[in-house]
N, C-alpha and C. Protein backbone atom coordinates (compact mmCIF):
# COMPACT_ATOMS: atom_id res chain seq x y z
N MET A 1 9.28 -76.27 33.62
CA MET A 1 9.22 -75.13 32.75
C MET A 1 7.80 -74.55 32.81
N THR A 2 7.70 -73.24 32.84
CA THR A 2 6.41 -72.55 32.84
C THR A 2 6.12 -72.00 31.45
N VAL A 3 4.91 -72.21 30.99
CA VAL A 3 4.47 -71.70 29.69
C VAL A 3 3.46 -70.59 29.95
N THR A 4 3.69 -69.43 29.35
CA THR A 4 2.74 -68.32 29.45
C THR A 4 2.51 -67.76 28.06
N ILE A 5 1.24 -67.65 27.68
CA ILE A 5 0.86 -67.08 26.40
C ILE A 5 -0.10 -65.93 26.68
N THR A 6 0.20 -64.75 26.16
CA THR A 6 -0.66 -63.59 26.34
C THR A 6 -1.15 -63.14 24.97
N GLY A 7 -2.44 -62.90 24.87
CA GLY A 7 -3.00 -62.43 23.61
C GLY A 7 -4.04 -61.36 23.82
N ARG A 8 -4.32 -60.61 22.78
CA ARG A 8 -5.33 -59.56 22.84
C ARG A 8 -6.45 -59.90 21.87
N LEU A 9 -7.68 -59.77 22.33
CA LEU A 9 -8.86 -59.98 21.50
C LEU A 9 -9.51 -58.62 21.29
N ASN A 10 -9.66 -58.22 20.04
CA ASN A 10 -10.22 -56.91 19.74
C ASN A 10 -11.74 -56.91 19.75
N ASP A 11 -12.33 -55.87 20.30
CA ASP A 11 -13.77 -55.60 20.26
C ASP A 11 -14.66 -56.64 20.91
N VAL A 12 -14.15 -57.49 21.78
CA VAL A 12 -15.02 -58.49 22.41
C VAL A 12 -15.99 -57.86 23.39
N GLY A 13 -15.66 -56.71 23.95
CA GLY A 13 -16.55 -56.05 24.90
C GLY A 13 -17.76 -55.44 24.24
N ARG A 14 -17.79 -55.44 22.93
CA ARG A 14 -18.93 -54.88 22.21
C ARG A 14 -19.92 -55.96 21.79
N GLY A 15 -19.73 -57.16 22.26
CA GLY A 15 -20.62 -58.26 21.91
C GLY A 15 -20.69 -59.26 23.04
N PHE A 16 -21.04 -60.47 22.71
CA PHE A 16 -21.14 -61.52 23.71
C PHE A 16 -19.82 -62.27 23.73
N TRP A 17 -19.17 -62.31 24.88
CA TRP A 17 -17.87 -62.94 25.00
C TRP A 17 -17.78 -63.63 26.35
N LYS A 18 -17.09 -64.75 26.38
CA LYS A 18 -16.82 -65.40 27.64
C LYS A 18 -15.38 -65.91 27.60
N LEU A 19 -14.78 -66.04 28.77
CA LEU A 19 -13.41 -66.50 28.88
C LEU A 19 -13.34 -68.00 28.60
N HIS A 20 -12.20 -68.45 28.11
CA HIS A 20 -11.99 -69.87 27.78
C HIS A 20 -12.16 -70.76 29.01
N ASP A 21 -12.72 -71.94 28.79
CA ASP A 21 -12.93 -72.95 29.83
C ASP A 21 -11.86 -74.03 29.66
N ILE A 22 -10.95 -74.15 30.63
CA ILE A 22 -9.83 -75.09 30.51
C ILE A 22 -10.26 -76.54 30.55
N THR A 23 -11.50 -76.81 30.95
CA THR A 23 -11.98 -78.20 31.00
C THR A 23 -12.69 -78.61 29.70
N ASP A 24 -12.74 -77.72 28.72
CA ASP A 24 -13.39 -78.00 27.44
C ASP A 24 -12.32 -78.10 26.35
N ILE A 25 -12.10 -79.31 25.85
CA ILE A 25 -11.06 -79.54 24.84
C ILE A 25 -11.32 -78.77 23.55
N ASN A 26 -12.56 -78.35 23.32
CA ASN A 26 -12.87 -77.54 22.14
C ASN A 26 -12.45 -76.09 22.31
N GLN A 27 -12.13 -75.67 23.53
CA GLN A 27 -11.71 -74.30 23.78
C GLN A 27 -10.22 -74.18 24.09
N VAL A 28 -9.70 -75.07 24.94
CA VAL A 28 -8.28 -75.05 25.32
C VAL A 28 -7.76 -76.48 25.19
N ARG A 29 -6.76 -76.65 24.34
CA ARG A 29 -6.21 -77.99 24.18
C ARG A 29 -4.73 -77.93 23.87
N ALA A 30 -4.11 -79.08 24.04
CA ALA A 30 -2.69 -79.22 23.76
C ALA A 30 -2.53 -80.36 22.76
N ARG A 31 -1.45 -80.30 22.02
CA ARG A 31 -1.12 -81.42 21.13
C ARG A 31 0.03 -82.18 21.76
N ASN A 32 -0.13 -83.50 21.91
CA ASN A 32 0.91 -84.31 22.52
C ASN A 32 1.94 -84.74 21.48
N ALA A 33 2.90 -85.56 21.88
CA ALA A 33 3.98 -85.99 21.00
C ALA A 33 3.46 -86.71 19.76
N SER A 34 2.30 -87.36 19.87
CA SER A 34 1.71 -88.07 18.73
C SER A 34 0.91 -87.16 17.82
N GLY A 35 0.76 -85.89 18.21
CA GLY A 35 -0.03 -84.95 17.42
C GLY A 35 -1.51 -84.98 17.73
N ASN A 36 -1.90 -85.70 18.79
CA ASN A 36 -3.30 -85.78 19.17
C ASN A 36 -3.68 -84.61 20.07
N SER A 37 -4.89 -84.11 19.92
CA SER A 37 -5.40 -83.05 20.79
C SER A 37 -5.89 -83.65 22.09
N VAL A 38 -5.43 -83.10 23.21
CA VAL A 38 -5.83 -83.57 24.54
C VAL A 38 -6.08 -82.36 25.42
N LEU A 39 -6.74 -82.58 26.55
CA LEU A 39 -6.89 -81.50 27.52
C LEU A 39 -5.52 -81.02 27.94
N ALA A 40 -5.34 -79.72 28.03
CA ALA A 40 -4.04 -79.17 28.43
C ALA A 40 -3.61 -79.72 29.79
N SER A 41 -4.57 -79.97 30.67
CA SER A 41 -4.24 -80.45 32.01
C SER A 41 -3.69 -81.88 32.00
N SER A 42 -3.83 -82.61 30.88
CA SER A 42 -3.25 -83.96 30.83
C SER A 42 -1.75 -83.91 30.58
N LEU A 43 -1.25 -82.78 30.06
CA LEU A 43 0.17 -82.64 29.80
C LEU A 43 0.85 -81.63 30.72
N LEU A 44 0.04 -80.76 31.34
CA LEU A 44 0.58 -79.64 32.11
C LEU A 44 -0.07 -79.57 33.48
N ASP A 45 0.64 -78.96 34.43
CA ASP A 45 0.10 -78.69 35.77
C ASP A 45 -0.26 -77.22 35.89
N ASN A 46 -1.11 -76.91 36.86
CA ASN A 46 -1.48 -75.52 37.17
C ASN A 46 -1.95 -74.75 35.94
N VAL A 47 -2.79 -75.38 35.13
CA VAL A 47 -3.31 -74.73 33.92
C VAL A 47 -4.33 -73.68 34.32
N SER A 48 -4.19 -72.48 33.75
CA SER A 48 -5.19 -71.44 34.01
C SER A 48 -5.31 -70.53 32.79
N VAL A 49 -6.48 -69.97 32.64
CA VAL A 49 -6.73 -68.94 31.64
C VAL A 49 -7.40 -67.79 32.38
N THR A 50 -6.78 -66.63 32.33
CA THR A 50 -7.35 -65.45 32.97
C THR A 50 -7.53 -64.37 31.92
N GLY A 51 -8.36 -63.42 32.23
CA GLY A 51 -8.60 -62.36 31.27
C GLY A 51 -9.05 -61.08 31.93
N SER A 52 -8.90 -60.00 31.21
CA SER A 52 -9.38 -58.70 31.68
C SER A 52 -9.89 -57.92 30.48
N LEU A 53 -10.89 -57.08 30.72
CA LEU A 53 -11.51 -56.30 29.67
C LEU A 53 -11.14 -54.84 29.84
N ASN A 54 -10.73 -54.21 28.75
CA ASN A 54 -10.45 -52.77 28.74
C ASN A 54 -11.76 -52.07 28.36
N TYR A 55 -12.38 -51.40 29.33
CA TYR A 55 -13.69 -50.78 29.09
C TYR A 55 -13.63 -49.67 28.05
N ALA A 56 -12.48 -49.01 27.91
CA ALA A 56 -12.39 -47.87 27.01
C ALA A 56 -12.51 -48.28 25.54
N ASN A 57 -11.95 -49.45 25.18
CA ASN A 57 -11.95 -49.81 23.77
C ASN A 57 -12.60 -51.17 23.47
N GLY A 58 -13.06 -51.89 24.49
CA GLY A 58 -13.72 -53.17 24.28
C GLY A 58 -12.78 -54.34 24.01
N ASN A 59 -11.47 -54.13 24.10
CA ASN A 59 -10.51 -55.21 23.88
C ASN A 59 -10.28 -55.98 25.17
N ALA A 60 -9.93 -57.26 25.03
CA ALA A 60 -9.65 -58.09 26.19
C ALA A 60 -8.23 -58.63 26.09
N THR A 61 -7.60 -58.84 27.22
CA THR A 61 -6.31 -59.50 27.29
C THR A 61 -6.55 -60.87 27.92
N VAL A 62 -6.06 -61.92 27.27
CA VAL A 62 -6.22 -63.29 27.75
C VAL A 62 -4.83 -63.85 28.01
N VAL A 63 -4.65 -64.48 29.17
CA VAL A 63 -3.36 -65.06 29.54
C VAL A 63 -3.54 -66.54 29.87
N PHE A 64 -2.83 -67.39 29.13
CA PHE A 64 -2.77 -68.82 29.41
C PHE A 64 -1.48 -69.07 30.16
N SER A 65 -1.55 -69.83 31.24
CA SER A 65 -0.36 -70.14 32.02
C SER A 65 -0.43 -71.59 32.48
N ALA A 66 0.70 -72.26 32.46
CA ALA A 66 0.78 -73.65 32.92
C ALA A 66 2.24 -74.01 33.17
N ARG A 67 2.42 -75.10 33.87
CA ARG A 67 3.78 -75.59 34.17
C ARG A 67 3.86 -77.04 33.69
N GLY A 68 5.00 -77.41 33.11
CA GLY A 68 5.19 -78.77 32.63
C GLY A 68 5.17 -79.76 33.77
N LYS A 69 4.65 -80.94 33.50
CA LYS A 69 4.64 -82.01 34.50
C LYS A 69 6.00 -82.69 34.52
N PRO A 70 6.49 -83.05 35.70
CA PRO A 70 7.76 -83.78 35.75
C PRO A 70 7.63 -85.10 34.99
N GLY A 71 8.58 -85.35 34.10
CA GLY A 71 8.56 -86.59 33.33
C GLY A 71 7.42 -86.67 32.35
N GLY A 72 6.77 -85.55 32.08
CA GLY A 72 5.61 -85.52 31.19
C GLY A 72 6.01 -85.74 29.75
N SER A 73 5.01 -85.93 28.90
CA SER A 73 5.29 -86.18 27.49
C SER A 73 5.57 -84.87 26.77
N THR A 74 6.00 -84.98 25.55
CA THR A 74 6.35 -83.82 24.74
C THR A 74 5.10 -83.02 24.37
N LEU A 75 5.21 -81.73 24.48
CA LEU A 75 4.13 -80.82 24.14
C LEU A 75 4.46 -80.19 22.80
N GLN A 76 3.58 -80.37 21.81
CA GLN A 76 3.80 -79.78 20.49
C GLN A 76 3.22 -78.38 20.36
N ARG A 77 2.01 -78.19 20.91
CA ARG A 77 1.33 -76.92 20.70
C ARG A 77 0.21 -76.74 21.72
N ILE A 78 -0.05 -75.49 22.07
CA ILE A 78 -1.20 -75.10 22.90
C ILE A 78 -2.16 -74.34 21.99
N GLU A 79 -3.45 -74.65 22.09
CA GLU A 79 -4.45 -73.95 21.28
C GLU A 79 -5.53 -73.37 22.18
N LEU A 80 -5.74 -72.07 22.06
CA LEU A 80 -6.90 -71.42 22.67
C LEU A 80 -7.81 -71.10 21.50
N ARG A 81 -8.92 -71.78 21.45
CA ARG A 81 -9.80 -71.69 20.30
C ARG A 81 -10.95 -70.72 20.56
N ASP A 82 -11.66 -70.38 19.51
CA ASP A 82 -12.80 -69.50 19.62
C ASP A 82 -13.77 -70.04 20.67
N THR A 83 -14.37 -69.15 21.45
CA THR A 83 -15.28 -69.58 22.52
C THR A 83 -16.69 -69.05 22.30
N PRO A 84 -17.37 -69.54 21.28
CA PRO A 84 -18.74 -69.07 21.08
C PRO A 84 -19.66 -69.61 22.16
N TYR A 85 -20.75 -68.92 22.36
CA TYR A 85 -21.76 -69.44 23.28
C TYR A 85 -22.29 -70.74 22.69
N PRO A 86 -22.66 -71.71 23.55
CA PRO A 86 -23.16 -72.99 23.03
C PRO A 86 -24.40 -72.82 22.17
N SER A 87 -25.18 -71.83 22.45
CA SER A 87 -26.30 -71.48 21.59
C SER A 87 -26.32 -69.96 21.53
N SER A 88 -26.83 -69.44 20.45
CA SER A 88 -26.83 -68.00 20.28
C SER A 88 -27.60 -67.34 21.42
N PRO A 89 -27.05 -66.27 22.02
CA PRO A 89 -27.79 -65.59 23.08
C PRO A 89 -29.01 -64.84 22.54
N LEU A 90 -29.07 -64.67 21.23
CA LEU A 90 -30.21 -64.00 20.62
C LEU A 90 -30.86 -64.92 19.61
N PRO A 91 -32.17 -64.89 19.49
CA PRO A 91 -32.84 -65.75 18.51
C PRO A 91 -32.53 -65.29 17.08
N ALA A 92 -32.64 -66.19 16.12
CA ALA A 92 -32.30 -65.90 14.73
C ALA A 92 -33.10 -64.71 14.18
N TRP A 93 -34.36 -64.59 14.59
CA TRP A 93 -35.19 -63.51 14.05
C TRP A 93 -34.65 -62.13 14.43
N PHE A 94 -33.83 -62.05 15.48
CA PHE A 94 -33.30 -60.76 15.92
C PHE A 94 -32.49 -60.12 14.79
N ALA A 95 -31.56 -60.87 14.20
CA ALA A 95 -30.73 -60.33 13.11
C ALA A 95 -31.49 -60.28 11.79
N ILE A 96 -32.32 -61.29 11.52
CA ILE A 96 -33.07 -61.32 10.27
C ILE A 96 -33.94 -60.08 10.12
N ASN A 97 -34.54 -59.63 11.22
CA ASN A 97 -35.42 -58.45 11.20
C ASN A 97 -34.70 -57.15 11.54
N ASN A 98 -33.35 -57.19 11.63
CA ASN A 98 -32.53 -55.99 11.88
C ASN A 98 -32.84 -55.28 13.19
N TRP A 99 -33.18 -56.05 14.22
CA TRP A 99 -33.45 -55.44 15.52
C TRP A 99 -32.22 -54.74 16.09
N GLN A 100 -31.02 -55.17 15.68
CA GLN A 100 -29.80 -54.53 16.17
C GLN A 100 -29.75 -53.05 15.76
N GLN A 101 -30.56 -52.66 14.78
CA GLN A 101 -30.60 -51.27 14.36
C GLN A 101 -31.49 -50.41 15.25
N VAL A 102 -32.32 -51.04 16.08
CA VAL A 102 -33.24 -50.27 16.92
C VAL A 102 -33.19 -50.68 18.39
N MET A 103 -32.15 -51.43 18.77
CA MET A 103 -31.98 -51.84 20.16
C MET A 103 -30.70 -51.19 20.71
N TYR A 104 -30.77 -50.81 21.96
CA TYR A 104 -29.64 -50.20 22.65
C TYR A 104 -29.51 -50.89 23.99
N TYR A 105 -28.29 -51.15 24.44
CA TYR A 105 -28.12 -51.73 25.77
C TYR A 105 -27.08 -50.95 26.53
N ALA A 106 -27.19 -50.98 27.82
CA ALA A 106 -26.19 -50.35 28.69
C ALA A 106 -25.97 -51.27 29.89
N THR A 107 -24.73 -51.34 30.33
CA THR A 107 -24.35 -52.15 31.48
C THR A 107 -23.56 -51.28 32.43
N SER A 108 -23.85 -51.38 33.72
CA SER A 108 -23.04 -50.63 34.68
C SER A 108 -21.63 -51.20 34.67
N ILE A 109 -20.64 -50.36 34.89
CA ILE A 109 -19.24 -50.77 34.82
C ILE A 109 -18.96 -51.91 35.79
N GLY A 110 -19.55 -51.89 36.96
CA GLY A 110 -19.30 -52.93 37.94
C GLY A 110 -19.78 -54.30 37.52
N PHE A 111 -20.73 -54.37 36.57
CA PHE A 111 -21.27 -55.65 36.14
C PHE A 111 -20.91 -56.00 34.70
N ALA A 112 -20.07 -55.21 34.07
CA ALA A 112 -19.53 -55.56 32.76
C ALA A 112 -18.46 -56.64 32.96
N PRO A 113 -18.08 -57.37 31.91
CA PRO A 113 -17.03 -58.39 32.08
C PRO A 113 -15.79 -57.79 32.73
N GLY A 114 -15.29 -58.46 33.75
CA GLY A 114 -14.13 -57.98 34.48
C GLY A 114 -14.46 -57.02 35.60
N GLY A 115 -15.74 -56.68 35.77
CA GLY A 115 -16.15 -55.76 36.82
C GLY A 115 -16.10 -56.41 38.19
N ASN A 116 -16.25 -55.60 39.22
CA ASN A 116 -16.15 -56.11 40.59
C ASN A 116 -17.51 -56.47 41.19
N HIS A 117 -18.57 -56.49 40.39
CA HIS A 117 -19.93 -56.86 40.80
C HIS A 117 -20.48 -56.01 41.95
N THR A 118 -20.10 -54.76 41.95
CA THR A 118 -20.70 -53.80 42.88
C THR A 118 -21.12 -52.59 42.05
N CYS A 119 -22.04 -51.83 42.61
CA CYS A 119 -22.46 -50.66 41.84
C CYS A 119 -22.87 -49.47 42.70
N PRO A 120 -22.23 -49.22 43.81
CA PRO A 120 -22.64 -48.05 44.57
C PRO A 120 -22.57 -46.76 43.76
N ALA A 121 -21.51 -46.59 42.96
CA ALA A 121 -21.40 -45.36 42.19
C ALA A 121 -21.59 -45.59 40.70
N SER A 122 -21.70 -46.86 40.29
CA SER A 122 -21.74 -47.13 38.85
C SER A 122 -23.03 -47.77 38.37
N CYS A 123 -24.06 -47.85 39.20
CA CYS A 123 -25.32 -48.44 38.76
C CYS A 123 -26.03 -47.54 37.78
N LEU A 124 -26.81 -48.15 36.95
CA LEU A 124 -27.73 -47.42 36.09
C LEU A 124 -29.02 -47.24 36.88
N THR A 125 -29.87 -46.33 36.46
CA THR A 125 -31.19 -46.25 37.06
C THR A 125 -32.23 -46.27 35.95
N LEU A 126 -33.33 -46.94 36.23
CA LEU A 126 -34.47 -46.98 35.34
C LEU A 126 -35.68 -46.61 36.17
N ASP A 127 -36.28 -45.49 35.84
CA ASP A 127 -37.42 -44.98 36.61
C ASP A 127 -37.10 -44.94 38.10
N SER A 128 -35.95 -44.39 38.43
CA SER A 128 -35.46 -44.18 39.80
C SER A 128 -35.11 -45.45 40.56
N LYS A 129 -35.04 -46.60 39.88
CA LYS A 129 -34.66 -47.86 40.53
C LYS A 129 -33.32 -48.30 39.97
N ALA A 130 -32.43 -48.80 40.85
CA ALA A 130 -31.11 -49.25 40.43
C ALA A 130 -31.21 -50.44 39.49
N SER A 131 -30.34 -50.48 38.50
CA SER A 131 -30.27 -51.58 37.56
C SER A 131 -28.82 -51.80 37.16
N ASN A 132 -28.44 -53.05 36.91
CA ASN A 132 -27.09 -53.35 36.46
C ASN A 132 -26.99 -53.35 34.95
N ALA A 133 -28.11 -53.58 34.25
CA ALA A 133 -28.13 -53.59 32.79
C ALA A 133 -29.54 -53.29 32.30
N ILE A 134 -29.62 -52.55 31.20
CA ILE A 134 -30.91 -52.24 30.59
C ILE A 134 -30.85 -52.51 29.09
N ILE A 135 -32.02 -52.72 28.51
CA ILE A 135 -32.16 -52.79 27.06
C ILE A 135 -33.26 -51.81 26.69
N ALA A 136 -33.00 -51.00 25.68
CA ALA A 136 -34.00 -50.05 25.19
C ALA A 136 -34.33 -50.39 23.74
N ALA A 137 -35.62 -50.50 23.46
CA ALA A 137 -36.08 -50.67 22.08
C ALA A 137 -36.61 -49.32 21.63
N THR A 138 -36.07 -48.85 20.52
CA THR A 138 -36.53 -47.57 20.00
C THR A 138 -37.78 -47.81 19.17
N GLY A 139 -38.58 -46.81 19.03
CA GLY A 139 -39.74 -46.90 18.16
C GLY A 139 -39.39 -46.37 16.79
N GLY A 140 -40.39 -46.25 15.96
CA GLY A 140 -40.17 -45.64 14.65
C GLY A 140 -39.81 -44.17 14.83
N PRO A 141 -39.37 -43.52 13.75
CA PRO A 141 -38.98 -42.12 13.88
C PRO A 141 -40.15 -41.23 14.27
N LEU A 142 -39.91 -40.38 15.26
CA LEU A 142 -40.91 -39.39 15.67
C LEU A 142 -40.83 -38.22 14.69
N PRO A 143 -41.77 -37.28 14.74
CA PRO A 143 -41.76 -36.16 13.78
C PRO A 143 -40.44 -35.37 13.76
N THR A 144 -39.72 -35.33 14.87
CA THR A 144 -38.47 -34.56 14.93
C THR A 144 -37.23 -35.43 14.68
N GLN A 145 -37.41 -36.70 14.34
CA GLN A 145 -36.29 -37.62 14.17
C GLN A 145 -36.16 -38.10 12.73
N THR A 146 -34.94 -38.54 12.40
CA THR A 146 -34.65 -39.08 11.09
C THR A 146 -34.00 -40.45 11.24
N HIS A 147 -34.50 -41.45 10.49
CA HIS A 147 -33.88 -42.78 10.43
C HIS A 147 -33.52 -43.05 8.98
N PRO A 148 -32.42 -43.63 8.68
CA PRO A 148 -31.30 -43.96 9.58
C PRO A 148 -30.52 -42.70 9.94
N SER A 149 -29.78 -42.82 11.03
CA SER A 149 -29.01 -41.68 11.52
C SER A 149 -27.88 -42.20 12.41
N SER A 150 -26.83 -41.42 12.53
CA SER A 150 -25.74 -41.75 13.45
C SER A 150 -25.88 -40.97 14.76
N THR A 151 -26.97 -40.23 14.90
CA THR A 151 -27.22 -39.43 16.09
C THR A 151 -28.18 -40.17 17.02
N LEU A 152 -27.74 -40.43 18.25
CA LEU A 152 -28.53 -41.20 19.20
C LEU A 152 -29.89 -40.58 19.47
N SER A 153 -29.97 -39.26 19.53
CA SER A 153 -31.25 -38.60 19.83
C SER A 153 -32.27 -38.76 18.69
N ASN A 154 -31.85 -39.30 17.56
CA ASN A 154 -32.80 -39.63 16.50
C ASN A 154 -33.46 -40.99 16.75
N TYR A 155 -33.04 -41.67 17.81
CA TYR A 155 -33.62 -42.97 18.16
C TYR A 155 -34.20 -43.00 19.58
N LEU A 156 -33.51 -42.38 20.53
CA LEU A 156 -33.94 -42.40 21.93
C LEU A 156 -34.36 -41.00 22.35
N GLU A 157 -35.30 -40.95 23.31
CA GLU A 157 -35.82 -39.67 23.75
C GLU A 157 -35.57 -39.47 25.25
N GLY A 158 -35.79 -38.23 25.69
CA GLY A 158 -35.68 -37.89 27.12
C GLY A 158 -34.30 -38.24 27.66
N SER A 159 -34.27 -38.69 28.90
CA SER A 159 -32.97 -39.03 29.51
C SER A 159 -32.33 -40.25 28.86
N ASN A 160 -33.09 -41.05 28.13
CA ASN A 160 -32.52 -42.21 27.44
C ASN A 160 -31.50 -41.80 26.38
N ALA A 161 -31.63 -40.58 25.86
CA ALA A 161 -30.73 -40.10 24.81
C ALA A 161 -29.40 -39.59 25.36
N ASN A 162 -29.21 -39.67 26.68
CA ASN A 162 -27.97 -39.21 27.30
C ASN A 162 -27.36 -40.36 28.11
N PRO A 163 -26.72 -41.34 27.43
CA PRO A 163 -26.21 -42.51 28.15
C PRO A 163 -25.14 -42.18 29.18
N ALA A 164 -24.44 -41.09 29.03
CA ALA A 164 -23.40 -40.73 30.00
C ALA A 164 -24.00 -40.48 31.38
N ALA A 165 -25.25 -40.10 31.45
CA ALA A 165 -25.90 -39.84 32.74
C ALA A 165 -26.30 -41.13 33.45
N ALA A 166 -26.41 -42.23 32.72
CA ALA A 166 -26.79 -43.55 33.27
C ALA A 166 -28.17 -43.54 33.90
N ILE A 167 -29.04 -42.65 33.44
CA ILE A 167 -30.41 -42.55 33.94
C ILE A 167 -31.36 -42.80 32.78
N TYR A 168 -32.21 -43.79 32.92
CA TYR A 168 -33.13 -44.19 31.86
C TYR A 168 -34.55 -44.10 32.36
N GLU A 169 -35.51 -43.99 31.41
CA GLU A 169 -36.90 -43.83 31.79
C GLU A 169 -37.83 -44.52 30.82
N ASN A 170 -39.00 -44.86 31.32
CA ASN A 170 -40.12 -45.34 30.52
C ASN A 170 -41.24 -44.34 30.68
N ARG A 171 -41.92 -44.04 29.62
CA ARG A 171 -43.11 -43.19 29.68
C ARG A 171 -44.15 -43.77 28.75
N VAL A 172 -45.33 -43.25 28.83
CA VAL A 172 -46.39 -43.64 27.89
C VAL A 172 -45.99 -43.14 26.51
N SER A 173 -46.18 -43.97 25.50
CA SER A 173 -45.85 -43.57 24.13
C SER A 173 -46.68 -42.36 23.73
N ALA A 174 -46.03 -41.43 23.07
CA ALA A 174 -46.68 -40.20 22.61
C ALA A 174 -45.94 -39.71 21.37
N ASN A 175 -46.32 -38.53 20.85
CA ASN A 175 -45.65 -38.02 19.66
C ASN A 175 -44.25 -37.49 19.94
N ASN A 176 -43.82 -37.52 21.22
CA ASN A 176 -42.46 -37.07 21.55
C ASN A 176 -41.68 -38.12 22.35
N PHE A 177 -42.23 -39.34 22.49
CA PHE A 177 -41.54 -40.39 23.25
C PHE A 177 -42.12 -41.75 22.88
N ASN A 178 -41.26 -42.68 22.40
CA ASN A 178 -41.75 -44.01 22.10
C ASN A 178 -40.73 -45.12 22.43
N ASP A 179 -39.83 -44.87 23.39
CA ASP A 179 -38.86 -45.86 23.83
C ASP A 179 -39.53 -46.87 24.76
N LYS A 180 -39.07 -48.10 24.70
CA LYS A 180 -39.47 -49.14 25.65
C LYS A 180 -38.19 -49.63 26.30
N VAL A 181 -38.05 -49.40 27.60
CA VAL A 181 -36.81 -49.75 28.31
C VAL A 181 -37.12 -50.76 29.40
N ILE A 182 -36.30 -51.81 29.47
CA ILE A 182 -36.47 -52.81 30.54
C ILE A 182 -35.15 -53.03 31.24
N SER A 183 -35.23 -53.37 32.49
CA SER A 183 -34.05 -53.75 33.27
C SER A 183 -33.88 -55.25 33.11
N VAL A 184 -32.69 -55.68 32.69
CA VAL A 184 -32.45 -57.11 32.50
C VAL A 184 -31.57 -57.70 33.59
N ALA A 185 -31.04 -56.85 34.45
CA ALA A 185 -30.22 -57.32 35.59
C ALA A 185 -30.40 -56.33 36.74
N PRO A 186 -31.49 -56.52 37.48
CA PRO A 186 -31.77 -55.56 38.57
C PRO A 186 -30.75 -55.63 39.69
């Protein structure tokens, strides 16, 4: 018998997400006839977890698939559990000091989760150099800007304020520009 479970995870593309690891009992496990949690591969053959990310809305589709072992024991339940990073990808001070309110990131489509790891047409550029991902730290409000705001140009200046163009820049800080942009995946 083949078991297939398909689920949707909302908004995972807007944060840090990774696909389930079938070798980690804390992420993917099965309950045997005794009710004990065991690795799914101890009760099933051809265990796999695959996923895809919808770039338009940040949702992911996750598919668990496996086949029963001949003469295997009774399977009570399959569990795909939350898959947090083993340690936070950001230090605690990041949220405590509200840096999420003044940080912006962009990833080329080819290097986003589920991408094909190429970027001939989808790379970002930072100061005319190709980049797969950038982080921009905004400065305090300039004379023409208002904080807080829902308008991106109140935080980023120059070409940085037009993310659809995928072209970013660094300049010397002045009264009309105070962004700091770095490439994190050249």
